[in-house]
């Protein structure tokens, strides 16, 4: 069983990125479980003074990531960068050495979001996580108002999602 955590970099309720992750959850084969983390906007601002005695929400975020086999990220680009709330969520786990070696899928919902994608690759690599290129497709759904059902029912959208999940399951876990 492969356990993945899906995280959207968007706080919008009807975000294309979040909808794409919900479609991936619905499409996941039985040997892959995908849990959507919806607390990015609830995390307090990162403060290094309390990093080692973090609030309960942060501790739960860290535990969720620690206990999974990999992370699936779909993140929009804002002003050529990573949205602040999502960067804050990453800041809270950057010092979590037990997360080194986590495999990550970076699903890009817009072919134009090249700056955010590049920034995320840099951030994630610096954190010691491993971007799985085969699990990181561009699936252009941003701005098209697709529903989850639309994404699941469209092979051009569903097949790359399934391939990304399969690629995440095929990557061996890092040895402890």
Protein backbone atom coordinates (compact mmCIF):
# COMPACT_ATOMS: atom_id res chain seq x y z
CA UNK A 1 0.00 0.00 0.00
CA UNK A 2 1.34 3.41 -0.99
CA UNK A 3 0.17 6.31 1.19
CA UNK A 4 0.27 9.74 -0.43
CA UNK A 5 -0.67 13.17 0.88
CA UNK A 6 -2.10 15.63 -1.64
CA UNK A 7 -1.54 19.33 -0.96
CA UNK A 8 -2.94 22.24 -2.93
CA UNK A 9 -1.03 25.50 -2.92
CA UNK A 10 -4.30 27.36 -3.46
CA UNK A 11 -6.66 28.54 -0.75
CA UNK A 12 -9.52 29.09 -3.20
CA UNK A 13 -12.51 26.84 -2.52
CA UNK A 14 -13.03 26.10 -6.23
CA UNK A 15 -9.36 26.03 -7.20
CA UNK A 16 -8.42 24.10 -10.34
CA UNK A 17 -5.42 22.75 -8.43
CA UNK A 18 -7.54 21.40 -5.58
CA UNK A 19 -10.10 19.99 -8.00
CA UNK A 20 -7.28 18.24 -9.86
CA UNK A 21 -6.11 16.67 -6.59
CA UNK A 22 -9.66 15.58 -5.74
CA UNK A 23 -9.87 13.92 -9.15
CA UNK A 24 -6.58 12.12 -8.45
CA UNK A 25 -8.00 10.86 -5.15
CA UNK A 26 -11.10 9.54 -6.93
CA UNK A 27 -8.98 7.87 -9.63
CA UNK A 28 -6.44 6.30 -7.27
CA UNK A 29 -6.22 2.51 -7.59
CA UNK A 30 -6.98 0.49 -4.46
CA UNK A 31 -3.28 -0.03 -3.64
CA UNK A 32 -2.73 3.75 -3.39
CA UNK A 33 -4.41 5.90 -0.77
CA UNK A 34 -4.35 9.66 -1.21
CA UNK A 35 -5.30 11.99 1.63
CA UNK A 36 -6.04 15.63 0.85
CA UNK A 37 -4.53 18.03 3.38
CA UNK A 38 -6.74 21.10 3.58
CA UNK A 39 -5.05 22.99 6.41
CA UNK A 40 -2.48 25.08 4.53
CA UNK A 41 -4.38 28.31 5.23
CA UNK A 42 -4.87 27.45 8.89
CA UNK A 43 -1.19 27.12 9.77
CA UNK A 44 0.22 30.03 11.79
CA UNK A 45 2.97 32.16 10.32
CA UNK A 46 6.30 30.39 10.53
CA UNK A 47 8.37 31.53 13.49
CA UNK A 48 11.80 29.98 14.05
CA UNK A 49 11.57 30.87 17.76
CA UNK A 50 8.82 28.25 18.22
CA UNK A 51 9.84 25.82 15.50
CA UNK A 52 10.92 23.13 17.97
CA UNK A 53 7.86 23.63 20.21
CA UNK A 54 5.40 24.10 17.36
CA UNK A 55 1.65 24.61 17.76
CA UNK A 56 -0.60 21.52 17.47
CA UNK A 57 -1.67 22.32 13.88
CA UNK A 58 1.97 22.35 12.82
CA UNK A 59 2.70 19.14 14.70
CA UNK A 60 -0.23 17.45 12.94
CA UNK A 61 1.02 18.74 9.53
CA UNK A 62 4.48 17.35 10.21
CA UNK A 63 3.10 14.01 11.41
CA UNK A 64 0.92 13.64 8.32
CA UNK A 65 3.95 14.15 6.08
CA UNK A 66 6.21 11.96 8.20
CA UNK A 67 3.77 9.05 8.02
CA UNK A 68 3.19 9.12 4.25
CA UNK A 69 5.22 7.58 1.44
CA UNK A 70 5.06 10.65 -0.79
CA UNK A 71 3.49 14.02 -1.43
CA UNK A 72 1.46 15.16 -4.43
CA UNK A 73 1.50 18.94 -4.89
CA UNK A 74 -0.63 21.06 -7.20
CA UNK A 75 0.22 24.71 -6.76
CA UNK A 76 -0.80 27.83 -8.67
CA UNK A 77 1.64 30.57 -9.55
CA UNK A 78 1.13 34.03 -8.07
CA UNK A 79 3.29 36.92 -9.28
CA UNK A 80 5.83 34.46 -10.74
CA UNK A 81 6.21 32.64 -7.44
CA UNK A 82 4.90 30.26 -4.81
CA UNK A 83 1.78 31.51 -2.96
CA UNK A 84 2.63 32.77 0.52
CA UNK A 85 0.44 30.35 2.48
CA UNK A 86 1.96 27.35 0.71
CA UNK A 87 5.51 28.63 1.20
CA UNK A 88 4.65 29.09 4.89
CA UNK A 89 3.50 25.45 5.08
CA UNK A 90 6.82 24.36 3.59
CA UNK A 91 8.75 26.62 5.98
CA UNK A 92 7.20 24.77 8.93
CA UNK A 93 8.66 21.45 7.73
CA UNK A 94 11.99 22.53 6.26
CA UNK A 95 13.79 21.67 9.51
CA UNK A 96 12.10 18.27 9.86
CA UNK A 97 15.06 16.06 9.05
CA UNK A 98 12.89 12.93 9.24
CA UNK A 99 11.23 14.12 6.02
CA UNK A 100 14.45 14.03 3.99
CA UNK A 101 14.10 11.72 1.03
CA UNK A 102 10.33 12.15 0.67
CA UNK A 103 9.27 11.70 -2.92
CA UNK A 104 7.18 14.48 -4.43
CA UNK A 105 4.95 14.80 -7.48
CA UNK A 106 4.59 18.38 -8.75
CA UNK A 107 1.45 18.49 -10.85
CA UNK A 108 1.21 21.73 -12.80
CA UNK A 109 -2.34 22.81 -13.66
CA UNK A 110 -1.14 25.52 -16.05
CA UNK A 111 1.54 25.34 -18.71
CA UNK A 112 2.24 29.01 -18.01
CA UNK A 113 3.17 28.46 -14.34
CA UNK A 114 6.84 27.87 -15.06
CA UNK A 115 8.25 30.22 -12.40
CA UNK A 116 6.37 28.62 -9.53
CA UNK A 117 7.26 25.14 -10.75
CA UNK A 118 10.95 26.05 -10.93
CA UNK A 119 10.80 27.67 -7.48
CA UNK A 120 9.12 24.59 -6.02
CA UNK A 121 11.74 22.30 -7.52
CA UNK A 122 14.45 24.47 -5.92
CA UNK A 123 12.70 24.64 -2.53
CA UNK A 124 11.85 20.94 -2.42
CA UNK A 125 15.32 19.89 -3.51
CA UNK A 126 16.87 22.16 -0.88
CA UNK A 127 14.62 20.51 1.72
CA UNK A 128 16.09 17.13 0.79
CA UNK A 129 12.88 15.92 -0.85
CA UNK A 130 13.01 14.20 -4.24
CA UNK A 131 10.94 15.46 -7.17
CA UNK A 132 9.74 12.50 -9.23
CA UNK A 133 9.79 13.82 -12.79
CA UNK A 134 7.63 10.97 -14.12
CA UNK A 135 4.96 11.93 -11.57
CA UNK A 136 5.05 15.65 -12.39
CA UNK A 137 2.94 16.31 -15.49
CA UNK A 138 1.48 19.53 -16.80
CA UNK A 139 -2.29 19.03 -16.95
CA UNK A 140 -3.73 22.28 -18.31
CA UNK A 141 -6.98 22.75 -16.40
CA UNK A 142 -6.47 26.23 -14.92
CA UNK A 143 -9.11 28.72 -16.00
CA UNK A 144 -11.28 26.10 -17.70
CA UNK A 145 -13.81 25.56 -14.88
CA UNK A 146 -13.59 21.78 -15.07
CA UNK A 147 -15.38 19.90 -12.33
CA UNK A 148 -13.93 16.83 -10.67
CA UNK A 149 -16.31 14.71 -12.78
CA UNK A 150 -15.09 16.47 -15.95
CA UNK A 151 -11.49 15.63 -15.06
CA UNK A 152 -12.26 12.01 -14.22
CA UNK A 153 -14.28 11.54 -17.40
CA UNK A 154 -11.73 13.09 -19.76
CA UNK A 155 -8.96 10.62 -20.66
CA UNK A 156 -6.60 13.48 -21.60
CA UNK A 157 -6.83 14.66 -17.98
CA UNK A 158 -7.40 11.40 -16.12
CA UNK A 159 -4.61 9.39 -17.74
CA UNK A 160 -1.76 11.74 -16.71
CA UNK A 161 -3.15 11.81 -13.16
CA UNK A 162 -3.20 8.01 -13.01
CA UNK A 163 0.29 7.84 -14.51
CA UNK A 164 1.54 10.28 -11.85
CA UNK A 165 0.07 8.17 -9.05
CA UNK A 166 1.52 5.00 -10.54
CA UNK A 167 4.93 6.65 -10.85
CA UNK A 168 4.78 7.66 -7.18
CA UNK A 169 3.94 4.09 -6.20
CA UNK A 170 6.79 2.71 -8.34
CA UNK A 171 9.53 4.82 -6.70
CA UNK A 172 11.15 2.85 -3.89
CA UNK A 173 10.99 4.42 -0.45
CA UNK A 174 14.24 5.80 0.91
CA UNK A 175 15.99 3.49 3.36
CA UNK A 176 15.85 4.63 6.98
